[in-house]
């Protein structure tokens, strides 16, 4: 099982500090190699909603 909690030492990536909790969860799970469908199943949201969260996260990262 993939841990989606923040790192224990609370290191933060500046581009991620303005993300919602759900967006952060999705980005972490992508980082662990999970597909949109797997993430959706894990978080009980649709794959389309996963894509929406990823797009919002990428938009914010581009602004940094």
N, C-alpha and C. Protein backbone atom coordinates (compact mmCIF):
# COMPACT_ATOMS: atom_id res chain seq x y z
N UNK A 1 0.84 -1.18 0.00
CA UNK A 1 0.00 0.00 0.00
C UNK A 1 0.89 1.24 0.00
N UNK A 2 0.50 2.22 -0.78
CA UNK A 2 1.27 3.45 -0.93
C UNK A 2 0.87 4.43 0.15
N UNK A 3 1.86 5.01 0.82
CA UNK A 3 1.60 6.01 1.85
C UNK A 3 1.48 7.37 1.17
N UNK A 4 0.35 8.06 1.39
CA UNK A 4 0.18 9.37 0.78
C UNK A 4 0.34 10.50 1.79
N UNK A 5 0.82 10.16 2.98
CA UNK A 5 1.05 11.18 4.00
C UNK A 5 2.26 12.02 3.63
N UNK A 6 2.30 13.28 4.13
CA UNK A 6 3.48 14.10 3.88
C UNK A 6 4.71 13.48 4.54
N UNK A 7 5.90 13.78 4.03
CA UNK A 7 7.11 13.25 4.65
C UNK A 7 7.20 13.66 6.11
N UNK A 8 7.81 12.80 6.91
CA UNK A 8 7.90 13.06 8.35
C UNK A 8 8.62 14.37 8.66
N UNK A 9 9.63 14.72 7.87
CA UNK A 9 10.37 15.95 8.14
C UNK A 9 9.70 17.16 7.51
N UNK A 10 8.54 16.96 6.91
CA UNK A 10 7.70 18.04 6.38
C UNK A 10 8.41 18.90 5.35
N UNK A 11 9.28 18.28 4.53
CA UNK A 11 9.89 19.02 3.42
C UNK A 11 8.78 19.40 2.46
N UNK A 12 8.85 20.60 1.94
CA UNK A 12 7.80 21.05 1.03
C UNK A 12 8.41 21.54 -0.27
N UNK A 13 7.75 21.19 -1.34
CA UNK A 13 8.11 21.69 -2.65
C UNK A 13 7.26 22.93 -2.87
N UNK A 14 7.86 24.10 -3.11
CA UNK A 14 7.09 25.33 -3.18
C UNK A 14 5.88 25.27 -4.11
N UNK A 15 6.01 24.63 -5.26
CA UNK A 15 4.90 24.58 -6.21
C UNK A 15 3.72 23.78 -5.65
N UNK A 16 3.98 22.92 -4.68
CA UNK A 16 2.91 22.08 -4.15
C UNK A 16 2.20 22.68 -2.95
N UNK A 17 2.72 23.74 -2.39
CA UNK A 17 2.12 24.28 -1.17
C UNK A 17 0.76 24.91 -1.39
N UNK A 18 0.45 25.30 -2.63
CA UNK A 18 -0.85 25.90 -2.89
C UNK A 18 -1.87 24.90 -3.41
N UNK A 19 -1.50 23.63 -3.47
CA UNK A 19 -2.43 22.60 -3.92
C UNK A 19 -3.41 22.23 -2.82
N UNK A 20 -4.59 21.76 -3.22
CA UNK A 20 -5.52 21.24 -2.24
C UNK A 20 -5.00 19.91 -1.71
N UNK A 21 -5.56 19.45 -0.64
CA UNK A 21 -5.15 18.16 -0.07
C UNK A 21 -5.36 17.05 -1.10
N UNK A 22 -6.49 17.07 -1.80
CA UNK A 22 -6.78 16.03 -2.78
C UNK A 22 -5.81 16.09 -3.96
N UNK A 23 -5.49 17.30 -4.43
CA UNK A 23 -4.51 17.44 -5.51
C UNK A 23 -3.15 16.89 -5.08
N UNK A 24 -2.77 17.18 -3.86
CA UNK A 24 -1.50 16.68 -3.33
C UNK A 24 -1.50 15.16 -3.26
N UNK A 25 -2.61 14.58 -2.80
CA UNK A 25 -2.72 13.12 -2.75
C UNK A 25 -2.55 12.52 -4.13
N UNK A 26 -3.22 13.09 -5.13
CA UNK A 26 -3.15 12.58 -6.50
C UNK A 26 -1.72 12.67 -7.02
N UNK A 27 -1.06 13.81 -6.82
CA UNK A 27 0.32 13.98 -7.29
C UNK A 27 1.25 12.97 -6.63
N UNK A 28 1.09 12.74 -5.35
CA UNK A 28 1.93 11.76 -4.66
C UNK A 28 1.72 10.36 -5.22
N UNK A 29 0.47 10.00 -5.48
CA UNK A 29 0.20 8.66 -6.01
C UNK A 29 0.73 8.50 -7.43
N UNK A 30 0.67 9.53 -8.23
CA UNK A 30 1.28 9.50 -9.57
C UNK A 30 2.78 9.28 -9.42
N UNK A 31 3.37 9.96 -8.45
CA UNK A 31 4.79 9.81 -8.19
C UNK A 31 5.18 8.40 -7.80
N UNK A 32 4.23 7.65 -7.27
CA UNK A 32 4.47 6.25 -6.92
C UNK A 32 4.17 5.32 -8.08
N UNK A 33 3.85 5.90 -9.25
CA UNK A 33 3.66 5.10 -10.45
C UNK A 33 2.27 4.57 -10.67
N UNK A 34 1.30 5.06 -9.93
CA UNK A 34 -0.07 4.58 -10.09
C UNK A 34 -0.73 5.24 -11.30
N UNK A 35 -1.59 4.49 -11.98
CA UNK A 35 -2.35 5.02 -13.12
C UNK A 35 -3.53 5.85 -12.61
N UNK A 36 -4.13 6.61 -13.50
CA UNK A 36 -5.31 7.40 -13.12
C UNK A 36 -6.42 6.50 -12.59
N UNK A 37 -6.63 5.36 -13.24
CA UNK A 37 -7.67 4.43 -12.79
C UNK A 37 -7.35 3.88 -11.40
N UNK A 38 -6.08 3.54 -11.16
CA UNK A 38 -5.68 3.04 -9.84
C UNK A 38 -5.87 4.10 -8.77
N UNK A 39 -5.48 5.33 -9.09
CA UNK A 39 -5.64 6.43 -8.14
C UNK A 39 -7.11 6.66 -7.85
N UNK A 40 -7.92 6.66 -8.91
CA UNK A 40 -9.36 6.83 -8.73
C UNK A 40 -9.94 5.78 -7.81
N UNK A 41 -9.54 4.53 -8.01
CA UNK A 41 -10.01 3.46 -7.15
C UNK A 41 -9.56 3.63 -5.71
N UNK A 42 -8.33 4.04 -5.54
CA UNK A 42 -7.77 4.24 -4.19
C UNK A 42 -8.47 5.38 -3.45
N UNK A 43 -8.77 6.46 -4.18
CA UNK A 43 -9.35 7.64 -3.55
C UNK A 43 -10.87 7.72 -3.72
N UNK A 44 -11.44 6.71 -4.33
CA UNK A 44 -12.88 6.63 -4.63
C UNK A 44 -13.38 7.85 -5.39
N UNK A 45 -12.67 8.17 -6.46
CA UNK A 45 -13.07 9.22 -7.39
C UNK A 45 -12.89 8.67 -8.81
N UNK A 46 -13.50 9.32 -9.79
CA UNK A 46 -13.38 8.82 -11.16
C UNK A 46 -12.00 9.16 -11.74
N UNK A 47 -11.62 8.42 -12.79
CA UNK A 47 -10.37 8.70 -13.48
C UNK A 47 -10.41 10.12 -14.07
N UNK A 48 -11.57 10.57 -14.49
CA UNK A 48 -11.72 11.93 -15.00
C UNK A 48 -11.44 12.98 -13.94
N UNK A 49 -11.88 12.71 -12.72
CA UNK A 49 -11.59 13.64 -11.61
C UNK A 49 -10.11 13.63 -11.29
N UNK A 50 -9.47 12.48 -11.39
CA UNK A 50 -8.02 12.40 -11.19
C UNK A 50 -7.33 13.30 -12.22
N UNK A 51 -7.75 13.22 -13.47
CA UNK A 51 -7.17 14.05 -14.52
C UNK A 51 -7.35 15.53 -14.22
N UNK A 52 -8.53 15.89 -13.72
CA UNK A 52 -8.79 17.28 -13.37
C UNK A 52 -7.82 17.75 -12.29
N UNK A 53 -7.64 16.94 -11.26
CA UNK A 53 -6.70 17.30 -10.18
C UNK A 53 -5.28 17.43 -10.72
N UNK A 54 -4.88 16.53 -11.59
CA UNK A 54 -3.53 16.59 -12.17
C UNK A 54 -3.36 17.84 -13.03
N UNK A 55 -4.36 18.16 -13.83
CA UNK A 55 -4.27 19.36 -14.67
C UNK A 55 -4.15 20.62 -13.82
N UNK A 56 -4.92 20.70 -12.74
CA UNK A 56 -4.82 21.87 -11.86
C UNK A 56 -3.45 21.94 -11.20
N UNK A 57 -2.92 20.81 -10.79
CA UNK A 57 -1.59 20.78 -10.17
C UNK A 57 -0.52 21.20 -11.16
N UNK A 58 -0.62 20.72 -12.39
CA UNK A 58 0.37 21.09 -13.41
C UNK A 58 0.27 22.57 -13.76
N UNK A 59 -0.94 23.09 -13.83
CA UNK A 59 -1.10 24.53 -14.08
C UNK A 59 -0.41 25.37 -13.01
N UNK A 60 -0.58 24.96 -11.76
CA UNK A 60 0.05 25.70 -10.66
C UNK A 60 1.56 25.56 -10.71
N UNK A 61 2.06 24.39 -11.06
CA UNK A 61 3.51 24.17 -11.13
C UNK A 61 4.13 25.02 -12.24
N UNK A 62 3.40 25.22 -13.33
CA UNK A 62 3.92 26.04 -14.43
C UNK A 62 4.04 27.51 -14.04
N UNK A 63 3.26 27.94 -13.08
CA UNK A 63 3.27 29.35 -12.64
C UNK A 63 4.45 29.67 -11.75
N UNK A 64 5.12 28.65 -11.25
CA UNK A 64 6.23 28.87 -10.30
C UNK A 64 7.50 29.16 -11.06
